Amino acid sequence: MKTMHMLMMPMVLTGGLSTAALADDGSLSPNALESLLNDADTYGVTHYDEVAIDDGNRLEIEGWRDDGWQLDIDMLIEDGSLVHEKRHKDTVPDWSLTSDELHQALGNAQDAGMKRFSELDVDEEGHVDIEGYDAQNSEIDIRLERNDLTVTGVEHD
């Protein structure tokens, strides 16, 4: 299995976010997250299994390109710059989320009360877990069924 590691100097993909996009609690507004995901789509990510805020200033994305390369990329939250890439040849799993499904899952989480995003994880068992914050700035964990992306549970911490 081929593995490639690349450390890239900040390179703006399409971004243009301000540092105000990241809240003090390390979460992102839906618009800021949408902009960064559009940058990831432009970079070639077509299927996702994890999206998370890393080190308070980066968005880490684990997923795949259509050509079978598994990607682990870090983007600066402030402007969408790609600062790290690791990839290896793999097969895109059926349980990963397409870009459209990812956006639908995030929209369903917003409908369930999430106002700010911090993490999304998809597993082989057919679950999508999304963590973030609600309107009262309390932590919220939302679980969705992978097949139709319906909300199956909401937990407030």
N, C-alpha and C. Protein backbone atom coordinates (compact mmCIF):
# COMPACT_ATOMS: atom_id res chain seq x y z
N MET A 1 0.84 -1.17 0.00
CA MET A 1 0.00 0.00 0.00
C MET A 1 0.89 1.24 0.00
N LYS A 2 0.67 2.11 -0.94
CA LYS A 2 1.46 3.34 -1.02
C LYS A 2 0.97 4.34 0.02
N THR A 3 1.89 5.04 0.63
CA THR A 3 1.55 6.12 1.55
C THR A 3 2.37 7.33 1.17
N MET A 4 1.74 8.46 1.14
CA MET A 4 2.45 9.70 0.84
C MET A 4 2.19 10.69 1.95
N HIS A 5 3.23 11.37 2.37
CA HIS A 5 3.10 12.44 3.37
C HIS A 5 3.54 13.73 2.71
N MET A 6 2.77 14.74 2.91
CA MET A 6 3.14 16.04 2.36
C MET A 6 2.90 17.09 3.42
N LEU A 7 3.83 17.96 3.61
CA LEU A 7 3.64 19.12 4.45
C LEU A 7 3.69 20.30 3.52
N MET A 8 2.61 21.02 3.47
CA MET A 8 2.52 22.11 2.51
C MET A 8 2.54 23.43 3.24
N MET A 9 3.17 24.36 2.67
CA MET A 9 3.10 25.71 3.19
C MET A 9 1.68 26.19 2.93
N PRO A 10 1.17 27.08 3.74
CA PRO A 10 -0.21 27.51 3.53
C PRO A 10 -0.47 27.91 2.08
N MET A 11 -1.46 27.28 1.53
CA MET A 11 -1.87 27.52 0.15
C MET A 11 -3.37 27.72 0.16
N VAL A 12 -3.82 28.86 -0.21
CA VAL A 12 -5.25 29.14 -0.18
C VAL A 12 -5.93 28.36 -1.28
N LEU A 13 -6.95 27.58 -0.89
CA LEU A 13 -7.72 26.83 -1.87
C LEU A 13 -8.75 27.74 -2.51
N THR A 14 -9.74 28.12 -1.74
CA THR A 14 -10.72 29.10 -2.23
C THR A 14 -11.16 29.99 -1.09
N GLY A 15 -10.62 29.75 0.09
CA GLY A 15 -11.12 30.30 1.34
C GLY A 15 -11.15 31.80 1.45
N GLY A 16 -11.37 32.23 2.66
CA GLY A 16 -11.46 33.63 2.96
C GLY A 16 -12.25 33.83 4.23
N LEU A 17 -12.02 33.02 5.24
CA LEU A 17 -12.71 33.15 6.50
C LEU A 17 -11.89 34.03 7.42
N SER A 18 -12.56 34.60 8.37
CA SER A 18 -11.84 35.38 9.38
C SER A 18 -11.65 34.50 10.61
N THR A 19 -10.75 34.91 11.49
CA THR A 19 -10.56 34.15 12.72
C THR A 19 -11.80 34.20 13.59
N ALA A 20 -12.71 35.11 13.34
CA ALA A 20 -13.96 35.18 14.09
C ALA A 20 -14.84 33.97 13.80
N ALA A 21 -14.52 33.20 12.76
CA ALA A 21 -15.30 32.01 12.43
C ALA A 21 -15.19 30.96 13.53
N LEU A 22 -14.08 30.96 14.27
CA LEU A 22 -13.86 30.00 15.33
C LEU A 22 -14.26 30.63 16.66
N ALA A 23 -15.21 30.01 17.33
CA ALA A 23 -15.66 30.52 18.63
C ALA A 23 -14.66 30.16 19.72
N ASP A 24 -14.79 30.80 20.87
CA ASP A 24 -13.91 30.53 22.00
C ASP A 24 -13.96 29.07 22.43
N ASP A 25 -15.09 28.41 22.20
CA ASP A 25 -15.23 27.01 22.59
C ASP A 25 -14.66 26.05 21.54
N GLY A 26 -14.02 26.57 20.50
CA GLY A 26 -13.42 25.73 19.46
C GLY A 26 -14.43 25.17 18.49
N SER A 27 -15.54 25.87 18.30
CA SER A 27 -16.57 25.40 17.38
C SER A 27 -16.69 26.38 16.21
N LEU A 28 -17.35 25.93 15.16
CA LEU A 28 -17.53 26.73 13.95
C LEU A 28 -19.01 26.98 13.69
N SER A 29 -19.29 28.14 13.14
CA SER A 29 -20.65 28.43 12.68
C SER A 29 -20.94 27.59 11.44
N PRO A 30 -22.21 27.35 11.14
CA PRO A 30 -22.54 26.58 9.93
C PRO A 30 -21.96 27.21 8.65
N ASN A 31 -21.98 28.53 8.53
CA ASN A 31 -21.45 29.18 7.33
C ASN A 31 -19.94 29.00 7.20
N ALA A 32 -19.22 29.11 8.32
CA ALA A 32 -17.77 28.92 8.29
C ALA A 32 -17.43 27.48 7.92
N LEU A 33 -18.16 26.52 8.50
CA LEU A 33 -17.93 25.12 8.18
C LEU A 33 -18.23 24.86 6.71
N GLU A 34 -19.32 25.40 6.21
CA GLU A 34 -19.70 25.23 4.80
C GLU A 34 -18.60 25.72 3.87
N SER A 35 -18.02 26.86 4.18
CA SER A 35 -16.95 27.41 3.36
C SER A 35 -15.73 26.47 3.34
N LEU A 36 -15.35 25.95 4.50
CA LEU A 36 -14.21 25.04 4.58
C LEU A 36 -14.49 23.72 3.86
N LEU A 37 -15.72 23.22 3.97
CA LEU A 37 -16.06 21.99 3.26
C LEU A 37 -16.06 22.20 1.75
N ASN A 38 -16.45 23.39 1.30
CA ASN A 38 -16.35 23.70 -0.12
C ASN A 38 -14.89 23.67 -0.58
N ASP A 39 -13.98 24.15 0.27
CA ASP A 39 -12.55 24.08 -0.03
C ASP A 39 -12.11 22.62 -0.14
N ALA A 40 -12.57 21.78 0.79
CA ALA A 40 -12.22 20.36 0.75
C ALA A 40 -12.76 19.71 -0.52
N ASP A 41 -13.98 20.06 -0.91
CA ASP A 41 -14.55 19.53 -2.16
C ASP A 41 -13.67 19.95 -3.35
N THR A 42 -13.24 21.19 -3.36
CA THR A 42 -12.39 21.69 -4.43
C THR A 42 -11.06 20.93 -4.47
N TYR A 43 -10.57 20.58 -3.31
CA TYR A 43 -9.32 19.83 -3.22
C TYR A 43 -9.47 18.40 -3.75
N GLY A 44 -10.70 17.90 -3.78
CA GLY A 44 -10.94 16.58 -4.34
C GLY A 44 -11.56 15.56 -3.39
N VAL A 45 -11.84 15.96 -2.15
CA VAL A 45 -12.48 15.03 -1.22
C VAL A 45 -13.92 14.81 -1.68
N THR A 46 -14.28 13.53 -1.89
CA THR A 46 -15.62 13.20 -2.34
C THR A 46 -16.40 12.37 -1.33
N HIS A 47 -15.69 11.72 -0.39
CA HIS A 47 -16.32 10.90 0.64
C HIS A 47 -15.64 11.20 1.97
N TYR A 48 -16.44 11.24 3.04
CA TYR A 48 -15.94 11.68 4.34
C TYR A 48 -16.23 10.63 5.41
N ASP A 49 -15.29 10.51 6.37
CA ASP A 49 -15.59 9.70 7.55
C ASP A 49 -15.33 10.46 8.86
N GLU A 50 -14.56 11.54 8.79
CA GLU A 50 -14.35 12.35 9.99
C GLU A 50 -14.04 13.79 9.61
N VAL A 51 -14.67 14.70 10.33
CA VAL A 51 -14.40 16.13 10.20
C VAL A 51 -14.34 16.66 11.63
N ALA A 52 -13.23 17.31 12.00
CA ALA A 52 -13.09 17.77 13.38
C ALA A 52 -12.17 18.98 13.46
N ILE A 53 -12.41 19.79 14.46
CA ILE A 53 -11.53 20.90 14.75
C ILE A 53 -10.32 20.34 15.51
N ASP A 54 -9.14 20.69 15.06
CA ASP A 54 -7.89 20.16 15.60
C ASP A 54 -6.99 21.31 16.01
N ASP A 55 -6.44 21.25 17.21
CA ASP A 55 -5.51 22.26 17.73
C ASP A 55 -6.11 23.66 17.75
N GLY A 56 -7.42 23.79 17.72
CA GLY A 56 -8.07 25.07 17.86
C GLY A 56 -8.00 25.99 16.65
N ASN A 57 -7.16 25.67 15.66
CA ASN A 57 -7.07 26.56 14.51
C ASN A 57 -7.08 25.81 13.17
N ARG A 58 -7.31 24.50 13.23
CA ARG A 58 -7.31 23.70 12.01
C ARG A 58 -8.57 22.85 11.93
N LEU A 59 -8.99 22.59 10.71
CA LEU A 59 -10.05 21.63 10.48
C LEU A 59 -9.39 20.39 9.88
N GLU A 60 -9.53 19.26 10.56
CA GLU A 60 -8.98 18.00 10.07
C GLU A 60 -10.08 17.23 9.37
N ILE A 61 -9.78 16.75 8.19
CA ILE A 61 -10.74 15.99 7.40
C ILE A 61 -10.10 14.66 7.02
N GLU A 62 -10.82 13.58 7.29
CA GLU A 62 -10.41 12.26 6.85
C GLU A 62 -11.47 11.77 5.87
N GLY A 63 -11.02 11.37 4.70
CA GLY A 63 -11.95 10.91 3.69
C GLY A 63 -11.23 10.34 2.49
N TRP A 64 -11.90 10.34 1.35
CA TRP A 64 -11.36 9.74 0.14
C TRP A 64 -11.65 10.61 -1.07
N ARG A 65 -10.81 10.44 -2.07
CA ARG A 65 -11.08 10.98 -3.39
C ARG A 65 -11.72 9.87 -4.21
N ASP A 66 -12.37 10.22 -5.31
CA ASP A 66 -13.02 9.22 -6.16
C ASP A 66 -12.03 8.19 -6.72
N ASP A 67 -10.77 8.59 -6.87
CA ASP A 67 -9.78 7.67 -7.45
C ASP A 67 -9.22 6.68 -6.43
N GLY A 68 -9.79 6.67 -5.21
CA GLY A 68 -9.40 5.68 -4.21
C GLY A 68 -8.32 6.11 -3.24
N TRP A 69 -7.78 7.31 -3.36
CA TRP A 69 -6.79 7.77 -2.39
C TRP A 69 -7.50 8.19 -1.11
N GLN A 70 -7.09 7.61 0.02
CA GLN A 70 -7.60 8.03 1.31
C GLN A 70 -6.81 9.26 1.74
N LEU A 71 -7.50 10.27 2.20
CA LEU A 71 -6.87 11.54 2.56
C LEU A 71 -7.03 11.84 4.04
N ASP A 72 -6.01 12.43 4.60
CA ASP A 72 -6.04 13.02 5.94
C ASP A 72 -5.44 14.41 5.74
N ILE A 73 -6.29 15.43 5.74
CA ILE A 73 -5.81 16.79 5.48
C ILE A 73 -6.16 17.71 6.64
N ASP A 74 -5.32 18.70 6.84
CA ASP A 74 -5.55 19.76 7.81
C ASP A 74 -5.60 21.08 7.06
N MET A 75 -6.61 21.87 7.36
CA MET A 75 -6.78 23.18 6.74
C MET A 75 -6.85 24.23 7.84
N LEU A 76 -6.23 25.38 7.62
CA LEU A 76 -6.37 26.47 8.59
C LEU A 76 -7.80 26.98 8.55
N ILE A 77 -8.38 27.15 9.71
CA ILE A 77 -9.76 27.62 9.80
C ILE A 77 -9.88 29.05 9.31
N GLU A 78 -8.87 29.86 9.56
CA GLU A 78 -8.98 31.28 9.23
C GLU A 78 -9.08 31.56 7.74
N ASP A 79 -8.51 30.69 6.88
CA ASP A 79 -8.57 31.02 5.45
C ASP A 79 -8.67 29.81 4.53
N GLY A 80 -8.80 28.61 5.07
CA GLY A 80 -8.92 27.42 4.24
C GLY A 80 -7.62 26.93 3.65
N SER A 81 -6.50 27.47 4.09
CA SER A 81 -5.20 27.03 3.57
C SER A 81 -4.93 25.58 3.94
N LEU A 82 -4.42 24.83 3.01
CA LEU A 82 -4.03 23.45 3.24
C LEU A 82 -2.63 23.45 3.86
N VAL A 83 -2.49 22.88 5.07
CA VAL A 83 -1.20 22.90 5.75
C VAL A 83 -0.61 21.52 5.97
N HIS A 84 -1.41 20.48 5.75
CA HIS A 84 -0.90 19.12 5.92
C HIS A 84 -1.74 18.18 5.07
N GLU A 85 -1.06 17.22 4.47
CA GLU A 85 -1.77 16.19 3.72
C GLU A 85 -1.03 14.88 3.90
N LYS A 86 -1.79 13.84 4.17
CA LYS A 86 -1.27 12.48 4.21
C LYS A 86 -2.26 11.65 3.40
N ARG A 87 -1.75 10.79 2.54
CA ARG A 87 -2.67 9.97 1.75
C ARG A 87 -2.07 8.62 1.45
N HIS A 88 -2.95 7.67 1.24
CA HIS A 88 -2.52 6.35 0.79
C HIS A 88 -3.64 5.74 -0.05
N LYS A 89 -3.23 4.85 -0.93
CA LYS A 89 -4.17 4.21 -1.85
C LYS A 89 -5.06 3.26 -1.07
N ASP A 90 -6.35 3.34 -1.29
CA ASP A 90 -7.32 2.55 -0.54
C ASP A 90 -8.59 2.44 -1.38
N THR A 91 -9.58 1.80 -0.84
CA THR A 91 -10.88 1.68 -1.48
C THR A 91 -11.88 2.53 -0.71
N VAL A 92 -12.71 3.27 -1.40
CA VAL A 92 -13.73 4.09 -0.74
C VAL A 92 -14.79 3.16 -0.14
N PRO A 93 -14.98 3.20 1.18
CA PRO A 93 -15.96 2.30 1.81
C PRO A 93 -17.40 2.77 1.57
N ASP A 94 -18.31 1.81 1.53
CA ASP A 94 -19.73 2.11 1.32
C ASP A 94 -20.31 2.97 2.43
N TRP A 95 -19.77 2.86 3.63
CA TRP A 95 -20.35 3.56 4.77
C TRP A 95 -19.91 5.03 4.86
N SER A 96 -18.94 5.46 4.07
CA SER A 96 -18.52 6.87 4.11
C SER A 96 -19.64 7.75 3.54
N LEU A 97 -19.60 9.02 3.90
CA LEU A 97 -20.61 9.98 3.42
C LEU A 97 -20.10 10.70 2.19
N THR A 98 -20.94 10.81 1.17
CA THR A 98 -20.60 11.66 0.04
C THR A 98 -20.68 13.10 0.51
N SER A 99 -20.21 14.00 -0.30
CA SER A 99 -20.28 15.42 0.05
C SER A 99 -21.74 15.85 0.25
N ASP A 100 -22.63 15.43 -0.63
CA ASP A 100 -24.04 15.79 -0.49
C ASP A 100 -24.63 15.22 0.80
N GLU A 101 -24.29 13.98 1.12
CA GLU A 101 -24.79 13.36 2.35
C GLU A 101 -24.23 14.07 3.58
N LEU A 102 -22.97 14.47 3.52
CA LEU A 102 -22.37 15.21 4.63
C LEU A 102 -23.14 16.51 4.88
N HIS A 103 -23.43 17.24 3.83
CA HIS A 103 -24.17 18.49 3.97
C HIS A 103 -25.58 18.23 4.50
N GLN A 104 -26.22 17.14 4.05
CA GLN A 104 -27.55 16.79 4.54
C GLN A 104 -27.51 16.44 6.03
N ALA A 105 -26.50 15.65 6.44
CA ALA A 105 -26.36 15.28 7.84
C ALA A 105 -26.16 16.52 8.72
N LEU A 106 -25.33 17.46 8.27
CA LEU A 106 -25.11 18.69 9.03
C LEU A 106 -26.39 19.53 9.10
N GLY A 107 -27.14 19.57 8.01
CA GLY A 107 -28.42 20.29 8.01
C GLY A 107 -29.41 19.65 8.98
N ASN A 108 -29.45 18.32 9.02
CA ASN A 108 -30.34 17.63 9.95
C ASN A 108 -29.92 17.88 11.39
N ALA A 109 -28.62 17.97 11.64
CA ALA A 109 -28.13 18.29 12.98
C ALA A 109 -28.53 19.70 13.38
N GLN A 110 -28.48 20.63 12.45
CA GLN A 110 -28.92 21.99 12.74
C GLN A 110 -30.41 22.01 13.06
N ASP A 111 -31.19 21.24 12.31
CA ASP A 111 -32.64 21.15 12.58
C ASP A 111 -32.91 20.56 13.96
N ALA A 112 -31.99 19.72 14.45
CA ALA A 112 -32.14 19.09 15.76
C ALA A 112 -31.61 19.97 16.89
N GLY A 113 -31.08 21.17 16.55
CA GLY A 113 -30.67 22.10 17.59
C GLY A 113 -29.21 22.50 17.61
N MET A 114 -28.38 21.95 16.75
CA MET A 114 -26.97 22.33 16.73
C MET A 114 -26.81 23.69 16.07
N LYS A 115 -26.17 24.62 16.77
CA LYS A 115 -25.93 25.96 16.24
C LYS A 115 -24.47 26.17 15.85
N ARG A 116 -23.55 25.41 16.47
CA ARG A 116 -22.13 25.51 16.16
C ARG A 116 -21.56 24.09 16.13
N PHE A 117 -20.64 23.85 15.21
CA PHE A 117 -20.09 22.52 14.94
C PHE A 117 -18.72 22.34 15.59
N SER A 118 -18.46 21.11 16.09
CA SER A 118 -17.11 20.80 16.54
C SER A 118 -16.57 19.48 15.99
N GLU A 119 -17.43 18.47 15.74
CA GLU A 119 -16.90 17.20 15.24
C GLU A 119 -17.99 16.34 14.61
N LEU A 120 -17.60 15.60 13.57
CA LEU A 120 -18.48 14.62 12.93
C LEU A 120 -17.68 13.35 12.72
N ASP A 121 -18.32 12.21 13.00
CA ASP A 121 -17.66 10.92 12.84
C ASP A 121 -18.66 9.92 12.27
N VAL A 122 -18.24 9.18 11.25
CA VAL A 122 -19.05 8.13 10.64
C VAL A 122 -18.37 6.81 10.95
N ASP A 123 -19.14 5.79 11.32
CA ASP A 123 -18.52 4.50 11.59
C ASP A 123 -19.08 3.41 10.69
N GLU A 124 -18.40 2.29 10.69
CA GLU A 124 -18.77 1.15 9.85
C GLU A 124 -20.09 0.52 10.26
N GLU A 125 -20.56 0.82 11.46
CA GLU A 125 -21.79 0.24 11.99
C GLU A 125 -23.05 0.95 11.46
N GLY A 126 -22.87 2.05 10.76
CA GLY A 126 -24.01 2.76 10.21
C GLY A 126 -24.49 3.94 11.04
N HIS A 127 -23.60 4.52 11.83
CA HIS A 127 -23.94 5.68 12.65
C HIS A 127 -23.16 6.90 12.22
N VAL A 128 -23.79 8.04 12.36
CA VAL A 128 -23.13 9.32 12.17
C VAL A 128 -23.30 10.08 13.48
N ASP A 129 -22.21 10.45 14.10
CA ASP A 129 -22.24 11.21 15.35
C ASP A 129 -21.71 12.61 15.08
N ILE A 130 -22.49 13.60 15.52
CA ILE A 130 -22.10 14.99 15.33
C ILE A 130 -22.12 15.68 16.70
N GLU A 131 -21.04 16.37 17.01
CA GLU A 131 -20.94 17.11 18.26
C GLU A 131 -20.84 18.60 17.96
N GLY A 132 -21.41 19.38 18.85
CA GLY A 132 -21.37 20.82 18.70
C GLY A 132 -22.00 21.49 19.90
N TYR A 133 -22.61 22.64 19.65
CA TYR A 133 -23.21 23.44 20.71
C TYR A 133 -24.58 23.92 20.27
N ASP A 134 -25.50 24.01 21.24
CA ASP A 134 -26.85 24.47 20.94
C ASP A 134 -26.96 25.99 21.15
N ALA A 135 -28.15 26.53 21.09
CA ALA A 135 -28.37 27.97 21.21
C ALA A 135 -27.97 28.52 22.58
N GLN A 136 -27.96 27.66 23.61
CA GLN A 136 -27.57 28.09 24.96
C GLN A 136 -26.09 27.84 25.22
N ASN A 137 -25.33 27.52 24.17
CA ASN A 137 -23.90 27.20 24.27
C ASN A 137 -23.61 25.98 25.13
N SER A 138 -24.58 25.08 25.23
CA SER A 138 -24.37 23.80 25.89
C SER A 138 -23.95 22.78 24.84
N GLU A 139 -23.13 21.83 25.24
CA GLU A 139 -22.71 20.80 24.31
C GLU A 139 -23.91 19.97 23.88
N ILE A 140 -23.92 19.59 22.61
CA ILE A 140 -24.99 18.76 22.08
C ILE A 140 -24.35 17.66 21.22
N ASP A 141 -24.83 16.44 21.43
CA ASP A 141 -24.38 15.29 20.65
C ASP A 141 -25.59 14.76 19.89
N ILE A 142 -25.43 14.62 18.60
CA ILE A 142 -26.54 14.18 17.76
C ILE A 142 -26.12 12.92 17.02
N ARG A 143 -26.97 11.91 17.07
CA ARG A 143 -26.70 10.66 16.36
C ARG A 143 -27.71 10.54 15.23
N LEU A 144 -27.19 10.17 14.05
CA LEU A 144 -28.03 9.96 12.88
C LEU A 144 -27.83 8.54 12.36
N GLU A 145 -28.87 8.01 11.74
CA GLU A 145 -28.80 6.72 11.06
C GLU A 145 -28.13 6.95 9.71
N ARG A 146 -27.14 6.17 9.38
CA ARG A 146 -26.36 6.37 8.16
C ARG A 146 -27.19 6.22 6.88
N ASN A 147 -28.13 5.28 6.85
CA ASN A 147 -28.86 4.99 5.61
C ASN A 147 -29.69 6.16 5.10
N ASP A 148 -30.46 6.80 6.00
CA ASP A 148 -31.31 7.89 5.54
C ASP A 148 -31.02 9.21 6.24
N LEU A 149 -30.00 9.22 7.09
CA LEU A 149 -29.52 10.40 7.81
C LEU A 149 -30.57 11.03 8.71
N THR A 150 -31.50 10.21 9.21
CA THR A 150 -32.48 10.70 10.16
C THR A 150 -31.85 10.75 11.55
N VAL A 151 -32.27 11.71 12.34
CA VAL A 151 -31.78 11.87 13.70
C VAL A 151 -32.40 10.77 14.56
N THR A 152 -31.54 10.00 15.24
CA THR A 152 -32.03 8.93 16.12
C THR A 152 -31.80 9.23 17.59
N GLY A 153 -31.05 10.29 17.88
CA GLY A 153 -30.83 10.66 19.27
C GLY A 153 -30.18 12.02 19.41
N VAL A 154 -30.60 12.75 20.43
CA VAL A 154 -30.02 14.06 20.76
C VAL A 154 -29.74 14.08 22.25
N GLU A 155 -28.49 14.37 22.60
CA GLU A 155 -28.10 14.42 24.00
C GLU A 155 -27.49 15.77 24.31
N HIS A 156 -28.00 16.41 25.35
CA HIS A 156 -27.45 17.70 25.80
C HIS A 156 -26.59 17.44 27.03
N ASP A 157 -25.36 17.96 27.01
CA ASP A 157 -24.46 17.79 28.15
C ASP A 157 -24.51 18.99 29.07
